């Protein structure tokens, strides 16, 4: 990133080669100093914008160092391949919320940053949490859990039967 930029956020647009992928990827940004040493590692929240596409945003440091983007599939059993479709530097002139309805933190070291993020943008997170509530409740019902467990159990029986017959 050029040092003369006035951008304060970095937006990354990702795409998977398989449009059936449901789970968001894990997106990490490693901020490096001018010598290449790791200064800070952040876990971004990838928000699904449409089928097969996710967007993630990171707040830039005051003096933009070099960065290393890492994208890891959430489901490692059958990892989809992701590609970076677009990277943009955004100048908002103020701190923008980094997530839609909450903050994800990776490890206890990042908990304080997550709490500060929610406190900095409390109105945004309250508003978006209300918007996401009904969809979350629809996806997390006892009936859906039962269907998921039965489907997985049937799949395991098929795997076991095919392994025994081989």
C-alpha atoms as a PDB file:
ATOM      1  CA  UNK A   1       0.000   0.000   0.000  1.00  0.00           C
ATOM      2  CA  UNK A   2       1.453   3.359  -0.911  1.00  0.00           C
ATOM      3  CA  UNK A   3       2.383   5.494   2.093  1.00  0.00           C
ATOM      4  CA  UNK A   4       0.840   8.618   0.562  1.00  0.00           C
ATOM      5  CA  UNK A   5      -2.665   7.151   0.525  1.00  0.00           C
ATOM      6  CA  UNK A   6      -5.334   8.802   2.661  1.00  0.00           C
ATOM      7  CA  UNK A   7      -7.436   5.676   2.795  1.00  0.00           C
ATOM      8  CA  UNK A   8      -8.530   4.501   6.211  1.00  0.00           C
ATOM      9  CA  UNK A   9     -10.081   1.107   5.330  1.00  0.00           C
ATOM     10  CA  UNK A  10      -9.191  -1.820   3.112  1.00  0.00           C
ATOM     11  CA  UNK A  11     -12.065  -3.742   1.511  1.00  0.00           C
ATOM     12  CA  UNK A  12     -11.485  -7.251   0.137  1.00  0.00           C
ATOM     13  CA  UNK A  13     -14.017  -8.980  -2.114  1.00  0.00           C
ATOM     14  CA  UNK A  14     -13.712 -12.774  -2.316  1.00  0.00           C
ATOM     15  CA  UNK A  15     -15.290 -15.344  -4.595  1.00  0.00           C
ATOM     16  CA  UNK A  16     -15.408 -19.098  -4.347  1.00  0.00           C
ATOM     17  CA  UNK A  17     -15.169 -21.326  -7.378  1.00  0.00           C
ATOM     18  CA  UNK A  18     -18.090 -23.389  -6.044  1.00  0.00           C
ATOM     19  CA  UNK A  19     -21.314 -21.356  -5.628  1.00  0.00           C
ATOM     20  CA  UNK A  20     -22.760 -24.015  -3.286  1.00  0.00           C
ATOM     21  CA  UNK A  21     -20.394 -23.022  -0.465  1.00  0.00           C
ATOM     22  CA  UNK A  22     -22.486 -21.784   2.475  1.00  0.00           C
ATOM     23  CA  UNK A  23     -19.983 -21.091   5.253  1.00  0.00           C
ATOM     24  CA  UNK A  24     -17.961 -17.892   5.323  1.00  0.00           C
ATOM     25  CA  UNK A  25     -14.207 -18.170   4.915  1.00  0.00           C
ATOM     26  CA  UNK A  26     -11.836 -17.205   7.702  1.00  0.00           C
ATOM     27  CA  UNK A  27     -10.005 -14.085   6.571  1.00  0.00           C
ATOM     28  CA  UNK A  28      -6.810 -13.018   8.319  1.00  0.00           C
ATOM     29  CA  UNK A  29      -4.749  -9.922   7.667  1.00  0.00           C
ATOM     30  CA  UNK A  30      -1.144  -9.932   8.823  1.00  0.00           C
ATOM     31  CA  UNK A  31       0.257  -6.407   9.114  1.00  0.00           C
ATOM     32  CA  UNK A  32       4.024  -6.328   8.584  1.00  0.00           C
ATOM     33  CA  UNK A  33       6.520  -3.581   9.361  1.00  0.00           C
ATOM     34  CA  UNK A  34       8.986  -2.247   6.798  1.00  0.00           C
ATOM     35  CA  UNK A  35      11.403  -5.100   7.556  1.00  0.00           C
ATOM     36  CA  UNK A  36       8.749  -7.784   7.043  1.00  0.00           C
ATOM     37  CA  UNK A  37       8.177  -8.686  10.700  1.00  0.00           C
ATOM     38  CA  UNK A  38       4.650  -9.330  11.911  1.00  0.00           C
ATOM     39  CA  UNK A  39       3.232  -6.314  13.765  1.00  0.00           C
ATOM     40  CA  UNK A  40      -0.365  -7.396  14.182  1.00  0.00           C
ATOM     41  CA  UNK A  41      -2.729 -10.125  12.982  1.00  0.00           C
ATOM     42  CA  UNK A  42      -6.445  -9.407  12.589  1.00  0.00           C
ATOM     43  CA  UNK A  43      -9.297 -11.735  11.849  1.00  0.00           C
ATOM     44  CA  UNK A  44     -11.830 -10.144   9.560  1.00  0.00           C
ATOM     45  CA  UNK A  45     -15.497 -10.991   9.316  1.00  0.00           C
ATOM     46  CA  UNK A  46     -16.456 -12.109   5.830  1.00  0.00           C
ATOM     47  CA  UNK A  47     -20.013 -11.052   5.043  1.00  0.00           C
ATOM     48  CA  UNK A  48     -21.810 -12.905   2.280  1.00  0.00           C
ATOM     49  CA  UNK A  49     -22.974 -10.391  -0.316  1.00  0.00           C
ATOM     50  CA  UNK A  50     -24.428 -12.910  -2.766  1.00  0.00           C
ATOM     51  CA  UNK A  51     -24.049 -16.570  -3.653  1.00  0.00           C
ATOM     52  CA  UNK A  52     -20.371 -17.475  -3.775  1.00  0.00           C
ATOM     53  CA  UNK A  53     -19.187 -13.965  -2.855  1.00  0.00           C
ATOM     54  CA  UNK A  54     -18.020 -12.451   0.430  1.00  0.00           C
ATOM     55  CA  UNK A  55     -16.730  -9.042   1.465  1.00  0.00           C
ATOM     56  CA  UNK A  56     -14.410  -8.255   4.343  1.00  0.00           C
ATOM     57  CA  UNK A  57     -13.148  -4.916   5.655  1.00  0.00           C
ATOM     58  CA  UNK A  58     -10.089  -3.986   7.700  1.00  0.00           C
ATOM     59  CA  UNK A  59      -9.205  -0.681   9.338  1.00  0.00           C
ATOM     60  CA  UNK A  60      -5.813   0.605   8.210  1.00  0.00           C
ATOM     61  CA  UNK A  61      -3.115   1.523  10.688  1.00  0.00           C
ATOM     62  CA  UNK A  62      -2.013   5.172  10.851  1.00  0.00           C
ATOM     63  CA  UNK A  63       1.100   4.518   8.792  1.00  0.00           C
ATOM     64  CA  UNK A  64       0.154   1.768   6.334  1.00  0.00           C
ATOM     65  CA  UNK A  65       2.685  -1.053   6.531  1.00  0.00           C
ATOM     66  CA  UNK A  66       2.781  -4.022   4.225  1.00  0.00           C
ATOM     67  CA  UNK A  67       0.018  -6.575   4.581  1.00  0.00           C
ATOM     68  CA  UNK A  68      -0.397 -10.281   3.940  1.00  0.00           C
ATOM     69  CA  UNK A  69      -3.932 -11.579   3.303  1.00  0.00           C
ATOM     70  CA  UNK A  70      -4.769 -15.170   4.299  1.00  0.00           C
ATOM     71  CA  UNK A  71      -8.065 -16.819   3.309  1.00  0.00           C
ATOM     72  CA  UNK A  72      -8.902 -20.174   4.876  1.00  0.00           C
ATOM     73  CA  UNK A  73     -12.074 -22.215   4.261  1.00  0.00           C
ATOM     74  CA  UNK A  74     -14.258 -22.545   7.349  1.00  0.00           C
ATOM     75  CA  UNK A  75     -15.085 -26.175   6.565  1.00  0.00           C
ATOM     76  CA  UNK A  76     -11.783 -28.016   6.247  1.00  0.00           C
ATOM     77  CA  UNK A  77     -13.359 -31.380   5.380  1.00  0.00           C
ATOM     78  CA  UNK A  78     -13.968 -30.310   1.789  1.00  0.00           C
ATOM     79  CA  UNK A  79     -12.115 -27.016   1.407  1.00  0.00           C
ATOM     80  CA  UNK A  80     -13.442 -24.741  -1.312  1.00  0.00           C
ATOM     81  CA  UNK A  81     -10.988 -22.583  -3.178  1.00  0.00           C
ATOM     82  CA  UNK A  82     -11.371 -18.835  -2.803  1.00  0.00           C
ATOM     83  CA  UNK A  83      -9.988 -16.129  -5.010  1.00  0.00           C
ATOM     84  CA  UNK A  84      -9.598 -12.444  -4.301  1.00  0.00           C
ATOM     85  CA  UNK A  85     -11.875 -10.724  -6.775  1.00  0.00           C
ATOM     86  CA  UNK A  86     -11.231  -7.121  -5.789  1.00  0.00           C
ATOM     87  CA  UNK A  87      -9.255  -5.073  -3.261  1.00  0.00           C
ATOM     88  CA  UNK A  88     -10.091  -1.428  -2.638  1.00  0.00           C
ATOM     89  CA  UNK A  89      -8.767   1.315  -0.412  1.00  0.00           C
ATOM     90  CA  UNK A  90     -11.617   3.367   1.032  1.00  0.00           C
ATOM     91  CA  UNK A  91     -11.411   6.838   2.525  1.00  0.00           C
ATOM     92  CA  UNK A  92     -14.407   7.292   4.817  1.00  0.00           C
ATOM     93  CA  UNK A  93     -12.867  10.008   6.970  1.00  0.00           C
ATOM     94  CA  UNK A  94     -14.062   8.223  10.089  1.00  0.00           C
ATOM     95  CA  UNK A  95     -13.945   4.790  11.642  1.00  0.00           C
ATOM     96  CA  UNK A  96     -16.490   2.450  10.007  1.00  0.00           C
ATOM     97  CA  UNK A  97     -18.002  -0.644  11.668  1.00  0.00           C
ATOM     98  CA  UNK A  98     -15.989  -3.691  10.643  1.00  0.00           C
ATOM     99  CA  UNK A  99     -18.866  -6.144  10.773  1.00  0.00           C
ATOM    100  CA  UNK A 100     -22.566  -6.423  10.122  1.00  0.00           C
ATOM    101  CA  UNK A 101     -24.116  -7.755  13.321  1.00  0.00           C
ATOM    102  CA  UNK A 102     -21.329  -8.530  15.741  1.00  0.00           C
ATOM    103  CA  UNK A 103     -17.629  -9.033  16.265  1.00  0.00           C
ATOM    104  CA  UNK A 104     -15.639 -12.234  15.939  1.00  0.00           C
ATOM    105  CA  UNK A 105     -12.392 -12.474  17.858  1.00  0.00           C
ATOM    106  CA  UNK A 106      -9.691 -15.098  17.588  1.00  0.00           C
ATOM    107  CA  UNK A 107      -8.244 -15.792  21.009  1.00  0.00           C
ATOM    108  CA  UNK A 108      -8.272 -13.895  24.279  1.00  0.00           C
ATOM    109  CA  UNK A 109      -5.696 -11.370  23.020  1.00  0.00           C
ATOM    110  CA  UNK A 110      -8.257  -9.934  20.602  1.00  0.00           C
ATOM    111  CA  UNK A 111     -11.233  -9.778  22.966  1.00  0.00           C
ATOM    112  CA  UNK A 112     -10.464  -6.228  24.126  1.00  0.00           C
ATOM    113  CA  UNK A 113     -10.259  -5.007  20.500  1.00  0.00           C
ATOM    114  CA  UNK A 114     -13.630  -6.629  19.812  1.00  0.00           C
ATOM    115  CA  UNK A 115     -15.236  -4.964  22.824  1.00  0.00           C
ATOM    116  CA  UNK A 116     -13.788  -1.576  21.790  1.00  0.00           C
ATOM    117  CA  UNK A 117     -15.173  -2.089  18.285  1.00  0.00           C
ATOM    118  CA  UNK A 118     -18.700  -2.763  19.592  1.00  0.00           C
ATOM    119  CA  UNK A 119     -18.529   0.182  21.999  1.00  0.00           C
ATOM    120  CA  UNK A 120     -17.275   2.506  19.239  1.00  0.00           C
ATOM    121  CA  UNK A 121     -20.234   1.578  16.987  1.00  0.00           C
ATOM    122  CA  UNK A 122     -22.940   0.562  19.478  1.00  0.00           C
ATOM    123  CA  UNK A 123     -25.862   2.075  17.526  1.00  0.00           C
ATOM    124  CA  UNK A 124     -24.828   0.246  14.357  1.00  0.00           C
ATOM    125  CA  UNK A 125     -24.521  -3.137  16.086  1.00  0.00           C
ATOM    126  CA  UNK A 126     -27.846  -2.771  17.922  1.00  0.00           C
ATOM    127  CA  UNK A 127     -29.620  -1.822  14.682  1.00  0.00           C
ATOM    128  CA  UNK A 128     -28.098  -4.618  12.600  1.00  0.00           C
ATOM    129  CA  UNK A 129     -28.598  -7.221  15.342  1.00  0.00           C
ATOM    130  CA  UNK A 130     -32.320  -6.439  15.253  1.00  0.00           C
ATOM    131  CA  UNK A 131     -32.321  -6.914  11.465  1.00  0.00           C
ATOM    132  CA  UNK A 132     -30.510 -10.269  11.678  1.00  0.00           C
ATOM    133  CA  UNK A 133     -32.561 -11.677  14.560  1.00  0.00           C
ATOM    134  CA  UNK A 134     -35.477 -13.116  12.594  1.00  0.00           C
ATOM    135  CA  UNK A 135     -33.229 -14.796  10.010  1.00  0.00           C
ATOM    136  CA  UNK A 136     -31.026 -16.267  12.727  1.00  0.00           C
ATOM    137  CA  UNK A 137     -34.040 -17.638  14.613  1.00  0.00           C
ATOM    138  CA  UNK A 138     -35.376 -19.234  11.406  1.00  0.00           C
ATOM    139  CA  UNK A 139     -32.025 -20.967  10.773  1.00  0.00           C
ATOM    140  CA  UNK A 140     -31.526 -22.172  14.365  1.00  0.00           C
ATOM    141  CA  UNK A 141     -34.685 -24.076  15.192  1.00  0.00           C
ATOM    142  CA  UNK A 142     -34.928 -27.493  16.879  1.00  0.00           C
ATOM    143  CA  UNK A 143     -36.545 -28.894  13.702  1.00  0.00           C
ATOM    144  CA  UNK A 144     -33.644 -27.727  11.537  1.00  0.00           C
ATOM    145  CA  UNK A 145     -31.125 -29.186  14.000  1.00  0.00           C
ATOM    146  CA  UNK A 146     -32.993 -32.498  13.915  1.00  0.00           C
ATOM    147  CA  UNK A 147     -32.941 -32.504  10.077  1.00  0.00           C
ATOM    148  CA  UNK A 148     -29.224 -31.729  10.082  1.00  0.00           C
ATOM    149  CA  UNK A 149     -28.444 -34.554  12.525  1.00  0.00           C
ATOM    150  CA  UNK A 150     -30.577 -37.083  10.640  1.00  0.00           C
ATOM    151  CA  UNK A 151     -28.986 -36.116   7.324  1.00  0.00           C
ATOM    152  CA  UNK A 152     -25.483 -36.469   8.769  1.00  0.00           C
ATOM    153  CA  UNK A 153     -26.385 -39.778  10.422  1.00  0.00           C
ATOM    154  CA  UNK A 154     -27.752 -41.117   7.108  1.00  0.00           C
ATOM    155  CA  UNK A 155     -24.552 -39.975   5.405  1.00  0.00           C
ATOM    156  CA  UNK A 156     -22.420 -41.754   8.016  1.00  0.00           C
ATOM    157  CA  UNK A 157     -24.418 -44.979   7.537  1.00  0.00           C
ATOM    158  CA  UNK A 158     -23.856 -44.765   3.768  1.00  0.00           C
ATOM    159  CA  UNK A 159     -20.113 -44.256   4.295  1.00  0.00           C
ATOM    160  CA  UNK A 160     -19.941 -47.170   6.743  1.00  0.00           C
ATOM    161  CA  UNK A 161     -21.924 -49.485   4.435  1.00  0.00           C
ATOM    162  CA  UNK A 162     -19.786 -48.631   1.405  1.00  0.00           C
ATOM    163  CA  UNK A 163     -16.577 -49.145   3.432  1.00  0.00           C
ATOM    164  CA  UNK A 164     -17.788 -52.562   4.659  1.00  0.00           C
ATOM    165  CA  UNK A 165     -18.741 -53.709   1.181  1.00  0.00           C
ATOM    166  CA  UNK A 166     -15.378 -52.681  -0.281  1.00  0.00           C
END
